Amino acid sequence: MKMIMAIVGKDDEMETSAQLMAKGYFVTKIATSGGFLKRKHVTLMIGTEDEKVDQAIAIIQKYAGERKTVKYTNLAAPSGPISPGMNYTVPINVEVGGSTIFVMNVERFEKM
């Protein structure tokens, strides 16, 4: 028996949990925060049999893994004698998401 603790972003938590539960995993959620940017996270606790750990990690990676996306930001161009100050919308490639996963041995498990 193993305990998977997966720290995922708040934005990824609902879909990740839904996909895990659809595959028969029992998921307990704990709201957490931390890290350099103090962003909100959710820690998913998943108890499972040893042979199902890799499948659970694959689901977490698919729905809460790092991915690239395009964000648009406004940049103001300086005004000068030739051109007035203007705002430009510029696409920027950014990485979003990501998770941290711990897998631990469970010495004893009881469901009452």
PDB file of N, CA and C in Angstrom:
ATOM      1  N   MET A   1       0.860  -1.178   0.000  1.00  0.00           N
ATOM      2  CA  MET A   1       0.000   0.000   0.000  1.00  0.00           C
ATOM      3  C   MET A   1       0.897   1.229   0.000  1.00  0.00           C
ATOM      4  N   LYS A   2       0.480   2.248  -0.749  1.00  0.00           N
ATOM      5  CA  LYS A   2       1.233   3.500  -0.856  1.00  0.00           C
ATOM      6  C   LYS A   2       0.312   4.680  -0.579  1.00  0.00           C
ATOM      7  N   MET A   3       0.919   5.771  -0.125  1.00  0.00           N
ATOM      8  CA  MET A   3       0.226   7.050   0.031  1.00  0.00           C
ATOM      9  C   MET A   3       0.899   8.024  -0.921  1.00  0.00           C
ATOM     10  N   ILE A   4       0.114   8.564  -1.836  1.00  0.00           N
ATOM     11  CA  ILE A   4       0.607   9.584  -2.756  1.00  0.00           C
ATOM     12  C   ILE A   4       0.137  10.928  -2.223  1.00  0.00           C
ATOM     13  N   MET A   5       1.078  11.830  -2.026  1.00  0.00           N
ATOM     14  CA  MET A   5       0.734  13.209  -1.678  1.00  0.00           C
ATOM     15  C   MET A   5       1.166  14.063  -2.859  1.00  0.00           C
ATOM     16  N   ALA A   6       0.201  14.682  -3.521  1.00  0.00           N
ATOM     17  CA  ALA A   6       0.483  15.493  -4.702  1.00  0.00           C
ATOM     18  C   ALA A   6       0.065  16.928  -4.420  1.00  0.00           C
ATOM     19  N   ILE A   7       1.017  17.838  -4.502  1.00  0.00           N
ATOM     20  CA  ILE A   7       0.727  19.258  -4.319  1.00  0.00           C
ATOM     21  C   ILE A   7       0.504  19.834  -5.708  1.00  0.00           C
ATOM     22  N   VAL A   8      -0.729  20.265  -5.975  1.00  0.00           N
ATOM     23  CA  VAL A   8      -1.096  20.783  -7.297  1.00  0.00           C
ATOM     24  C   VAL A   8      -1.632  22.198  -7.147  1.00  0.00           C
ATOM     25  N   GLY A   9      -1.591  22.947  -8.226  1.00  0.00           N
ATOM     26  CA  GLY A   9      -2.131  24.298  -8.219  1.00  0.00           C
ATOM     27  C   GLY A   9      -3.642  24.287  -8.070  1.00  0.00           C
ATOM     28  N   LYS A  10      -4.163  25.323  -7.446  1.00  0.00           N
ATOM     29  CA  LYS A  10      -5.609  25.441  -7.233  1.00  0.00           C
ATOM     30  C   LYS A  10      -6.372  25.344  -8.552  1.00  0.00           C
ATOM     31  N   ASP A  11      -5.809  25.902  -9.611  1.00  0.00           N
ATOM     32  CA  ASP A  11      -6.489  25.884 -10.911  1.00  0.00           C
ATOM     33  C   ASP A  11      -6.594  24.478 -11.507  1.00  0.00           C
ATOM     34  N   ASP A  12      -5.693  23.588 -11.133  1.00  0.00           N
ATOM     35  CA  ASP A  12      -5.673  22.233 -11.695  1.00  0.00           C
ATOM     36  C   ASP A  12      -6.373  21.205 -10.817  1.00  0.00           C
ATOM     37  N   GLU A  13      -6.718  21.576  -9.614  1.00  0.00           N
ATOM     38  CA  GLU A  13      -7.205  20.620  -8.612  1.00  0.00           C
ATOM     39  C   GLU A  13      -8.504  19.924  -9.005  1.00  0.00           C
ATOM     40  N   MET A  14      -9.487  20.658  -9.488  1.00  0.00           N
ATOM     41  CA  MET A  14     -10.801  20.051  -9.750  1.00  0.00           C
ATOM     42  C   MET A  14     -10.736  18.985 -10.841  1.00  0.00           C
ATOM     43  N   GLU A  15     -10.104  19.308 -11.965  1.00  0.00           N
ATOM     44  CA  GLU A  15     -10.036  18.344 -13.068  1.00  0.00           C
ATOM     45  C   GLU A  15      -9.161  17.146 -12.693  1.00  0.00           C
ATOM     46  N   THR A  16      -8.061  17.405 -12.000  1.00  0.00           N
ATOM     47  CA  THR A  16      -7.182  16.312 -11.577  1.00  0.00           C
ATOM     48  C   THR A  16      -7.919  15.362 -10.638  1.00  0.00           C
ATOM     49  N   SER A  17      -8.608  15.913  -9.653  1.00  0.00           N
ATOM     50  CA  SER A  17      -9.376  15.088  -8.706  1.00  0.00           C
ATOM     51  C   SER A  17     -10.465  14.300  -9.415  1.00  0.00           C
ATOM     52  N   ALA A  18     -11.175  14.952 -10.328  1.00  0.00           N
ATOM     53  CA  ALA A  18     -12.258  14.285 -11.056  1.00  0.00           C
ATOM     54  C   ALA A  18     -11.722  13.109 -11.871  1.00  0.00           C
ATOM     55  N   GLN A  19     -10.591  13.299 -12.526  1.00  0.00           N
ATOM     56  CA  GLN A  19     -10.014  12.226 -13.339  1.00  0.00           C
ATOM     57  C   GLN A  19      -9.516  11.071 -12.469  1.00  0.00           C
ATOM     58  N   LEU A  20      -8.921  11.399 -11.319  1.00  0.00           N
ATOM     59  CA  LEU A  20      -8.484  10.342 -10.401  1.00  0.00           C
ATOM     60  C   LEU A  20      -9.678   9.545  -9.880  1.00  0.00           C
ATOM     61  N   MET A  21     -10.734  10.245  -9.476  1.00  0.00           N
ATOM     62  CA  MET A  21     -11.918   9.560  -8.946  1.00  0.00           C
ATOM     63  C   MET A  21     -12.613   8.737 -10.027  1.00  0.00           C
ATOM     64  N   ALA A  22     -12.584   9.216 -11.275  1.00  0.00           N
ATOM     65  CA  ALA A  22     -13.182   8.461 -12.377  1.00  0.00           C
ATOM     66  C   ALA A  22     -12.466   7.126 -12.594  1.00  0.00           C
ATOM     67  N   LYS A  23     -11.202   7.057 -12.220  1.00  0.00           N
ATOM     68  CA  LYS A  23     -10.428   5.813 -12.342  1.00  0.00           C
ATOM     69  C   LYS A  23     -10.458   4.987 -11.060  1.00  0.00           C
ATOM     70  N   GLY A  24     -11.281   5.401 -10.083  1.00  0.00           N
ATOM     71  CA  GLY A  24     -11.465   4.598  -8.883  1.00  0.00           C
ATOM     72  C   GLY A  24     -10.584   4.940  -7.699  1.00  0.00           C
ATOM     73  N   TYR A  25      -9.839   6.026  -7.778  1.00  0.00           N
ATOM     74  CA  TYR A  25      -9.007   6.438  -6.651  1.00  0.00           C
ATOM     75  C   TYR A  25      -9.842   7.239  -5.658  1.00  0.00           C
ATOM     76  N   PHE A  26      -9.554   7.078  -4.387  1.00  0.00           N
ATOM     77  CA  PHE A  26     -10.168   7.897  -3.346  1.00  0.00           C
ATOM     78  C   PHE A  26      -9.215   9.045  -3.067  1.00  0.00           C
ATOM     79  N   VAL A  27      -9.736  10.271  -3.110  1.00  0.00           N
ATOM     80  CA  VAL A  27      -8.894  11.462  -3.005  1.00  0.00           C
ATOM     81  C   VAL A  27      -9.360  12.316  -1.838  1.00  0.00           C
ATOM     82  N   THR A  28      -8.425  12.680  -0.968  1.00  0.00           N
ATOM     83  CA  THR A  28      -8.691  13.638   0.103  1.00  0.00           C
ATOM     84  C   THR A  28      -7.937  14.908  -0.238  1.00  0.00           C
ATOM     85  N   LYS A  29      -8.618  16.054  -0.148  1.00  0.00           N
ATOM     86  CA  LYS A  29      -8.019  17.333  -0.527  1.00  0.00           C
ATOM     87  C   LYS A  29      -7.764  18.186   0.714  1.00  0.00           C
ATOM     88  N   ILE A  30      -6.604  18.826   0.740  1.00  0.00           N
ATOM     89  CA  ILE A  30      -6.262  19.758   1.811  1.00  0.00           C
ATOM     90  C   ILE A  30      -5.792  21.051   1.152  1.00  0.00           C
ATOM     91  N   ALA A  31      -6.407  22.179   1.505  1.00  0.00           N
ATOM     92  CA  ALA A  31      -5.984  23.473   0.966  1.00  0.00           C
ATOM     93  C   ALA A  31      -4.646  23.851   1.587  1.00  0.00           C
ATOM     94  N   THR A  32      -3.685  24.221   0.742  1.00  0.00           N
ATOM     95  CA  THR A  32      -2.358  24.603   1.213  1.00  0.00           C
ATOM     96  C   THR A  32      -1.879  25.828   0.453  1.00  0.00           C
ATOM     97  N   SER A  33      -0.876  26.476   0.984  1.00  0.00           N
ATOM     98  CA  SER A  33      -0.243  27.585   0.269  1.00  0.00           C
ATOM     99  C   SER A  33       1.214  27.610   0.662  1.00  0.00           C
ATOM    100  N   GLY A  34       1.993  28.278  -0.143  1.00  0.00           N
ATOM    101  CA  GLY A  34       3.405  28.357   0.190  1.00  0.00           C
ATOM    102  C   GLY A  34       4.234  28.621  -1.035  1.00  0.00           C
ATOM    103  N   GLY A  35       5.515  28.471  -0.866  1.00  0.00           N
ATOM    104  CA  GLY A  35       6.425  28.740  -1.957  1.00  0.00           C
ATOM    105  C   GLY A  35       6.758  30.213  -2.043  1.00  0.00           C
ATOM    106  N   PHE A  36       7.619  30.517  -2.958  1.00  0.00           N
ATOM    107  CA  PHE A  36       8.118  31.877  -3.117  1.00  0.00           C
ATOM    108  C   PHE A  36       7.001  32.874  -3.414  1.00  0.00           C
ATOM    109  N   LEU A  37       6.064  32.487  -4.270  1.00  0.00           N
ATOM    110  CA  LEU A  37       5.001  33.414  -4.681  1.00  0.00           C
ATOM    111  C   LEU A  37       3.759  33.333  -3.802  1.00  0.00           C
ATOM    112  N   LYS A  38       3.744  32.455  -2.815  1.00  0.00           N
ATOM    113  CA  LYS A  38       2.614  32.301  -1.890  1.00  0.00           C
ATOM    114  C   LYS A  38       1.309  32.002  -2.624  1.00  0.00           C
ATOM    115  N   ARG A  39       1.391  31.229  -3.685  1.00  0.00           N
ATOM    116  CA  ARG A  39       0.190  30.875  -4.437  1.00  0.00           C
ATOM    117  C   ARG A  39      -0.583  29.801  -3.703  1.00  0.00           C
ATOM    118  N   LYS A  40      -1.885  29.737  -3.986  1.00  0.00           N
ATOM    119  CA  LYS A  40      -2.733  28.720  -3.371  1.00  0.00           C
ATOM    120  C   LYS A  40      -2.548  27.396  -4.096  1.00  0.00           C
ATOM    121  N   HIS A  41      -2.469  26.351  -3.302  1.00  0.00           N
ATOM    122  CA  HIS A  41      -2.332  24.994  -3.811  1.00  0.00           C
ATOM    123  C   HIS A  41      -3.329  24.101  -3.098  1.00  0.00           C
ATOM    124  N   VAL A  42      -3.440  22.896  -3.592  1.00  0.00           N
ATOM    125  CA  VAL A  42      -4.225  21.864  -2.929  1.00  0.00           C
ATOM    126  C   VAL A  42      -3.336  20.631  -2.841  1.00  0.00           C
ATOM    127  N   THR A  43      -3.280  20.029  -1.664  1.00  0.00           N
ATOM    128  CA  THR A  43      -2.546  18.780  -1.505  1.00  0.00           C
ATOM    129  C   THR A  43      -3.550  17.641  -1.594  1.00  0.00           C
ATOM    130  N   LEU A  44      -3.343  16.773  -2.565  1.00  0.00           N
ATOM    131  CA  LEU A  44      -4.202  15.610  -2.758  1.00  0.00           C
ATOM    132  C   LEU A  44      -3.543  14.425  -2.069  1.00  0.00           C
ATOM    133  N   MET A  45      -4.289  13.760  -1.213  1.00  0.00           N
ATOM    134  CA  MET A  45      -3.804  12.549  -0.552  1.00  0.00           C
ATOM    135  C   MET A  45      -4.547  11.370  -1.158  1.00  0.00           C
ATOM    136  N   ILE A  46      -3.788  10.424  -1.701  1.00  0.00           N
ATOM    137  CA  ILE A  46      -4.370   9.296  -2.421  1.00  0.00           C
ATOM    138  C   ILE A  46      -3.751   8.011  -1.877  1.00  0.00           C
ATOM    139  N   GLY A  47      -4.552   7.191  -1.245  1.00  0.00           N
ATOM    140  CA  GLY A  47      -4.090   5.882  -0.800  1.00  0.00           C
ATOM    141  C   GLY A  47      -4.398   4.868  -1.881  1.00  0.00           C
ATOM    142  N   THR A  48      -3.401   4.057  -2.263  1.00  0.00           N
ATOM    143  CA  THR A  48      -3.623   3.104  -3.348  1.00  0.00           C
ATOM    144  C   THR A  48      -2.686   1.905  -3.236  1.00  0.00           C
ATOM    145  N   GLU A  49      -3.011   0.887  -3.987  1.00  0.00           N
ATOM    146  CA  GLU A  49      -2.159  -0.301  -4.056  1.00  0.00           C
ATOM    147  C   GLU A  49      -0.892   0.028  -4.843  1.00  0.00           C
ATOM    148  N   ASP A  50       0.169  -0.688  -4.550  1.00  0.00           N
ATOM    149  CA  ASP A  50       1.471  -0.431  -5.179  1.00  0.00           C
ATOM    150  C   ASP A  50       1.395  -0.408  -6.707  1.00  0.00           C
ATOM    151  N   GLU A  51       0.664  -1.352  -7.280  1.00  0.00           N
ATOM    152  CA  GLU A  51       0.623  -1.469  -8.742  1.00  0.00           C
ATOM    153  C   GLU A  51      -0.179  -0.356  -9.421  1.00  0.00           C
ATOM    154  N   LYS A  52      -0.916   0.450  -8.663  1.00  0.00           N
ATOM    155  CA  LYS A  52      -1.714   1.533  -9.254  1.00  0.00           C
ATOM    156  C   LYS A  52      -1.055   2.903  -9.107  1.00  0.00           C
ATOM    157  N   VAL A  53       0.139   2.948  -8.509  1.00  0.00           N
ATOM    158  CA  VAL A  53       0.821   4.231  -8.286  1.00  0.00           C
ATOM    159  C   VAL A  53       1.182   4.910  -9.603  1.00  0.00           C
ATOM    160  N   ASP A  54       1.758   4.166 -10.538  1.00  0.00           N
ATOM    161  CA  ASP A  54       2.185   4.764 -11.806  1.00  0.00           C
ATOM    162  C   ASP A  54       1.015   5.353 -12.586  1.00  0.00           C
ATOM    163  N   GLN A  55      -0.135   4.676 -12.561  1.00  0.00           N
ATOM    164  CA  GLN A  55      -1.316   5.196 -13.251  1.00  0.00           C
ATOM    165  C   GLN A  55      -1.774   6.503 -12.607  1.00  0.00           C
ATOM    166  N   ALA A  56      -1.771   6.573 -11.283  1.00  0.00           N
ATOM    167  CA  ALA A  56      -2.176   7.800 -10.591  1.00  0.00           C
ATOM    168  C   ALA A  56      -1.228   8.944 -10.924  1.00  0.00           C
ATOM    169  N   ILE A  57       0.070   8.663 -10.936  1.00  0.00           N
ATOM    170  CA  ILE A  57       1.048   9.702 -11.263  1.00  0.00           C
ATOM    171  C   ILE A  57       0.864  10.180 -12.698  1.00  0.00           C
ATOM    172  N   ALA A  58       0.560   9.279 -13.615  1.00  0.00           N
ATOM    173  CA  ALA A  58       0.322   9.667 -15.011  1.00  0.00           C
ATOM    174  C   ALA A  58      -0.882  10.600 -15.119  1.00  0.00           C
ATOM    175  N   ILE A  59      -1.932  10.333 -14.359  1.00  0.00           N
ATOM    176  CA  ILE A  59      -3.117  11.203 -14.366  1.00  0.00           C
ATOM    177  C   ILE A  59      -2.756  12.577 -13.812  1.00  0.00           C
ATOM    178  N   ILE A  60      -2.031  12.601 -12.709  1.00  0.00           N
ATOM    179  CA  ILE A  60      -1.626  13.882 -12.113  1.00  0.00           C
ATOM    180  C   ILE A  60      -0.755  14.661 -13.091  1.00  0.00           C
ATOM    181  N   GLN A  61       0.174  13.984 -13.738  1.00  0.00           N
ATOM    182  CA  GLN A  61       1.050  14.651 -14.700  1.00  0.00           C
ATOM    183  C   GLN A  61       0.250  15.227 -15.869  1.00  0.00           C
ATOM    184  N   LYS A  62      -0.734  14.485 -16.338  1.00  0.00           N
ATOM    185  CA  LYS A  62      -1.533  14.950 -17.484  1.00  0.00           C
ATOM    186  C   LYS A  62      -2.370  16.176 -17.140  1.00  0.00           C
ATOM    187  N   TYR A  63      -2.981  16.189 -15.959  1.00  0.00           N
ATOM    188  CA  TYR A  63      -3.920  17.257 -15.629  1.00  0.00           C
ATOM    189  C   TYR A  63      -3.344  18.338 -14.723  1.00  0.00           C
ATOM    190  N   ALA A  64      -2.181  18.093 -14.111  1.00  0.00           N
ATOM    191  CA  ALA A  64      -1.591  19.105 -13.229  1.00  0.00           C
ATOM    192  C   ALA A  64      -0.093  19.257 -13.481  1.00  0.00           C
ATOM    193  N   GLY A  65       0.367  18.811 -14.629  1.00  0.00           N
ATOM    194  CA  GLY A  65       1.784  18.943 -14.959  1.00  0.00           C
ATOM    195  C   GLY A  65       2.088  20.308 -15.556  1.00  0.00           C
ATOM    196  N   GLU A  66       3.372  20.610 -15.665  1.00  0.00           N
ATOM    197  CA  GLU A  66       3.772  21.868 -16.292  1.00  0.00           C
ATOM    198  C   GLU A  66       3.373  21.854 -17.757  1.00  0.00           C
ATOM    199  N   ARG A  67       2.968  22.997 -18.229  1.00  0.00           N
ATOM    200  CA  ARG A  67       2.636  23.137 -19.636  1.00  0.00           C
ATOM    201  C   ARG A  67       2.898  24.567 -20.066  1.00  0.00           C
ATOM    202  N   LYS A  68       3.066  24.739 -21.345  1.00  0.00           N
ATOM    203  CA  LYS A  68       3.327  26.078 -21.877  1.00  0.00           C
ATOM    204  C   LYS A  68       2.023  26.672 -22.384  1.00  0.00           C
ATOM    205  N   THR A  69       1.891  27.964 -22.199  1.00  0.00           N
ATOM    206  CA  THR A  69       0.727  28.680 -22.704  1.00  0.00           C
ATOM    207  C   THR A  69       1.175  30.076 -23.119  1.00  0.00           C
ATOM    208  N   VAL A  70       0.319  30.769 -23.811  1.00  0.00           N
ATOM    209  CA  VAL A  70       0.624  32.132 -24.236  1.00  0.00           C
ATOM    210  C   VAL A  70      -0.234  33.087 -23.424  1.00  0.00           C
ATOM    211  N   LYS A  71       0.414  34.037 -22.790  1.00  0.00           N
ATOM    212  CA  LYS A  71      -0.292  35.103 -22.078  1.00  0.00           C
ATOM    213  C   LYS A  71      -0.018  36.395 -22.832  1.00  0.00           C
ATOM    214  N   TYR A  72      -0.980  37.279 -22.809  1.00  0.00           N
ATOM    215  CA  TYR A  72      -0.821  38.557 -23.492  1.00  0.00           C
ATOM    216  C   TYR A  72      -0.665  39.653 -22.459  1.00  0.00           C
ATOM    217  N   THR A  73       0.296  40.515 -22.691  1.00  0.00           N
ATOM    218  CA  THR A  73       0.547  41.610 -21.765  1.00  0.00           C
ATOM    219  C   THR A  73       0.655  42.910 -22.543  1.00  0.00           C
ATOM    220  N   ASN A  74       0.300  43.990 -21.897  1.00  0.00           N
ATOM    221  CA  ASN A  74       0.385  45.304 -22.528  1.00  0.00           C
ATOM    222  C   ASN A  74       1.728  45.941 -22.217  1.00  0.00           C
ATOM    223  N   LEU A  75       2.376  46.432 -23.242  1.00  0.00           N
ATOM    224  CA  LEU A  75       3.618  47.169 -23.085  1.00  0.00           C
ATOM    225  C   LEU A  75       3.401  48.579 -23.594  1.00  0.00           C
ATOM    226  N   ALA A  76       3.856  49.530 -22.848  1.00  0.00           N
ATOM    227  CA  ALA A  76       3.731  50.928 -23.267  1.00  0.00           C
ATOM    228  C   ALA A  76       5.025  51.342 -23.948  1.00  0.00           C
ATOM    229  N   ALA A  77       4.899  51.863 -25.156  1.00  0.00           N
ATOM    230  CA  ALA A  77       6.066  52.376 -25.872  1.00  0.00           C
ATOM    231  C   ALA A  77       6.292  53.818 -25.433  1.00  0.00           C
ATOM    232  N   PRO A  78       7.542  54.205 -25.274  1.00  0.00           N
ATOM    233  CA  PRO A  78       7.799  55.589 -24.848  1.00  0.00           C
ATOM    234  C   PRO A  78       7.361  56.574 -25.927  1.00  0.00           C
ATOM    235  N   SER A  79       6.886  57.706 -25.491  1.00  0.00           N
ATOM    236  CA  SER A  79       6.480  58.727 -26.461  1.00  0.00           C
ATOM    237  C   SER A  79       7.688  59.590 -26.785  1.00  0.00           C
ATOM    238  N   GLY A  80       7.719  60.055 -27.992  1.00  0.00           N
ATOM    239  CA  GLY A  80       8.826  60.894 -28.440  1.00  0.00           C
ATOM    240  C   GLY A  80       8.339  61.862 -29.499  1.00  0.00           C
ATOM    241  N   PRO A  81       9.250  62.603 -30.079  1.00  0.00           N
ATOM    242  CA  PRO A  81       8.844  63.600 -31.082  1.00  0.00           C
ATOM    243  C   PRO A  81       8.281  62.971 -32.352  1.00  0.00           C
ATOM    244  N   ILE A  82       8.668  61.727 -32.651  1.00  0.00           N
ATOM    245  CA  ILE A  82       8.192  61.097 -33.883  1.00  0.00           C
ATOM    246  C   ILE A  82       6.899  60.331 -33.662  1.00  0.00           C
ATOM    247  N   SER A  83       6.767  59.651 -32.524  1.00  0.00           N
ATOM    248  CA  SER A  83       5.566  58.850 -32.291  1.00  0.00           C
ATOM    249  C   SER A  83       5.002  59.132 -30.909  1.00  0.00           C
ATOM    250  N   PRO A  84       3.685  59.206 -30.836  1.00  0.00           N
ATOM    251  CA  PRO A  84       3.077  59.370 -29.512  1.00  0.00           C
ATOM    252  C   PRO A  84       3.178  58.053 -28.739  1.00  0.00           C
ATOM    253  N   GLY A  85       3.066  58.124 -27.432  1.00  0.00           N
ATOM    254  CA  GLY A  85       3.096  56.911 -26.615  1.00  0.00           C
ATOM    255  C   GLY A  85       1.948  55.994 -27.004  1.00  0.00           C
ATOM    256  N   MET A  86       2.242  54.733 -27.197  1.00  0.00           N
ATOM    257  CA  MET A  86       1.225  53.771 -27.602  1.00  0.00           C
ATOM    258  C   MET A  86       1.351  52.524 -26.738  1.00  0.00           C
ATOM    259  N   ASN A  87       0.258  51.813 -26.621  1.00  0.00           N
ATOM    260  CA  ASN A  87       0.268  50.533 -25.923  1.00  0.00           C
ATOM    261  C   ASN A  87       0.251  49.415 -26.950  1.00  0.00           C
ATOM    262  N   TYR A  88       1.087  48.431 -26.732  1.00  0.00           N
ATOM    263  CA  TYR A  88       1.146  47.272 -27.602  1.00  0.00           C
ATOM    264  C   TYR A  88       0.793  46.033 -26.791  1.00  0.00           C
ATOM    265  N   THR A  89       0.020  45.139 -27.394  1.00  0.00           N
ATOM    266  CA  THR A  89      -0.260  43.858 -26.768  1.00  0.00           C
ATOM    267  C   THR A  89       0.747  42.863 -27.323  1.00  0.00           C
ATOM    268  N   VAL A  90       1.482  42.240 -26.416  1.00  0.00           N
ATOM    269  CA  VAL A  90       2.568  41.355 -26.815  1.00  0.00           C
ATOM    270  C   VAL A  90       2.324  39.957 -26.245  1.00  0.00           C
ATOM    271  N   PRO A  91       2.416  38.912 -27.093  1.00  0.00           N
ATOM    272  CA  PRO A  91       2.288  37.548 -26.562  1.00  0.00           C
ATOM    273  C   PRO A  91       3.596  37.117 -25.892  1.00  0.00           C
ATOM    274  N   ILE A  92       3.472  36.460 -24.747  1.00  0.00           N
ATOM    275  CA  ILE A  92       4.633  35.955 -24.019  1.00  0.00           C
ATOM    276  C   ILE A  92       4.381  34.484 -23.699  1.00  0.00           C
ATOM    277  N   ASN A  93       5.342  33.637 -24.033  1.00  0.00           N
ATOM    278  CA  ASN A  93       5.244  32.215 -23.690  1.00  0.00           C
ATOM    279  C   ASN A  93       5.609  32.037 -22.222  1.00  0.00           C
ATOM    280  N   VAL A  94       4.731  31.383 -21.466  1.00  0.00           N
ATOM    281  CA  VAL A  94       4.983  31.146 -20.048  1.00  0.00           C
ATOM    282  C   VAL A  94       4.672  29.692 -19.709  1.00  0.00           C
ATOM    283  N   GLU A  95       5.337  29.191 -18.663  1.00  0.00           N
ATOM    284  CA  GLU A  95       5.028  27.865 -18.144  1.00  0.00           C
ATOM    285  C   GLU A  95       4.062  28.017 -16.982  1.00  0.00           C
ATOM    286  N   VAL A  96       3.007  27.218 -16.991  1.00  0.00           N
ATOM    287  CA  VAL A  96       2.014  27.251 -15.918  1.00  0.00           C
ATOM    288  C   VAL A  96       1.831  25.832 -15.390  1.00  0.00           C
ATOM    289  N   GLY A  97       1.177  25.754 -14.252  1.00  0.00           N
ATOM    290  CA  GLY A  97       0.899  24.447 -13.673  1.00  0.00           C
ATOM    291  C   GLY A  97       2.124  23.850 -13.017  1.00  0.00           C
ATOM    292  N   GLY A  98       2.096  22.578 -12.894  1.00  0.00           N
ATOM    293  CA  GLY A  98       3.182  21.860 -12.241  1.00  0.00           C
ATOM    294  C   GLY A  98       2.711  21.287 -10.915  1.00  0.00           C
ATOM    295  N   SER A  99       3.326  20.223 -10.503  1.00  0.00           N
ATOM    296  CA  SER A  99       2.956  19.592  -9.245  1.00  0.00           C
ATOM    297  C   SER A  99       4.195  18.969  -8.616  1.00  0.00           C
ATOM    298  N   THR A 100       4.094  18.716  -7.328  1.00  0.00           N
ATOM    299  CA  THR A 100       5.134  18.012  -6.587  1.00  0.00           C
ATOM    300  C   THR A 100       4.489  16.768  -6.000  1.00  0.00           C
ATOM    301  N   ILE A 101       5.107  15.625  -6.213  1.00  0.00           N
ATOM    302  CA  ILE A 101       4.503  14.355  -5.802  1.00  0.00           C
ATOM    303  C   ILE A 101       5.444  13.608  -4.857  1.00  0.00           C
ATOM    304  N   PHE A 102       4.875  13.137  -3.755  1.00  0.00           N
ATOM    305  CA  PHE A 102       5.586  12.280  -2.808  1.00  0.00           C
ATOM    306  C   PHE A 102       4.865  10.937  -2.770  1.00  0.00           C
ATOM    307  N   VAL A 103       5.608   9.846  -2.792  1.00  0.00           N
ATOM    308  CA  VAL A 103       5.026   8.511  -2.662  1.00  0.00           C
ATOM    309  C   VAL A 103       5.663   7.864  -1.435  1.00  0.00           C
ATOM    310  N   MET A 104       4.809   7.457  -0.487  1.00  0.00           N
ATOM    311  CA  MET A 104       5.296   6.900   0.776  1.00  0.00           C
ATOM    312  C   MET A 104       4.693   5.524   1.026  1.00  0.00           C
ATOM    313  N   ASN A 105       5.442   4.700   1.704  1.00  0.00           N
ATOM    314  CA  ASN A 105       4.927   3.399   2.126  1.00  0.00           C
ATOM    315  C   ASN A 105       3.914   3.595   3.249  1.00  0.00           C
ATOM    316  N   VAL A 106       2.865   2.791   3.233  1.00  0.00           N
ATOM    317  CA  VAL A 106       1.857   2.814   4.295  1.00  0.00           C
ATOM    318  C   VAL A 106       2.027   1.523   5.092  1.00  0.00           C
ATOM    319  N   GLU A 107       2.354   1.682   6.347  1.00  0.00           N
ATOM    320  CA  GLU A 107       2.559   0.508   7.194  1.00  0.00           C
ATOM    321  C   GLU A 107       1.241  -0.171   7.524  1.00  0.00           C
ATOM    322  N   ARG A 108       0.223   0.637   7.745  1.00  0.00           N
ATOM    323  CA  ARG A 108      -1.083   0.083   8.117  1.00  0.00           C
ATOM    324  C   ARG A 108      -2.179   0.973   7.552  1.00  0.00           C
ATOM    325  N   PHE A 109      -3.246   0.336   7.082  1.00  0.00           N
ATOM    326  CA  PHE A 109      -4.380   1.071   6.532  1.00  0.00           C
ATOM    327  C   PHE A 109      -5.658   0.391   6.996  1.00  0.00           C
ATOM    328  N   GLU A 110      -6.555   1.174   7.560  1.00  0.00           N
ATOM    329  CA  GLU A 110      -7.863   0.657   7.967  1.00  0.00           C
ATOM    330  C   GLU A 110      -8.930   1.637   7.523  1.00  0.00           C
ATOM    331  N   LYS A 111     -10.002   1.109   6.993  1.00  0.00           N
ATOM    332  CA  LYS A 111     -11.148   1.931   6.617  1.00  0.00           C
ATOM    333  C   LYS A 111     -12.320   1.451   7.453  1.00  0.00           C
ATOM    334  N   MET A 112     -12.886   2.346   8.256  1.00  0.00           N
ATOM    335  CA  MET A 112     -13.940   1.940   9.195  1.00  0.00           C
ATOM    336  C   MET A 112     -15.262   2.553   8.833  1.00  0.00           C
TER     337      MET A 112
END
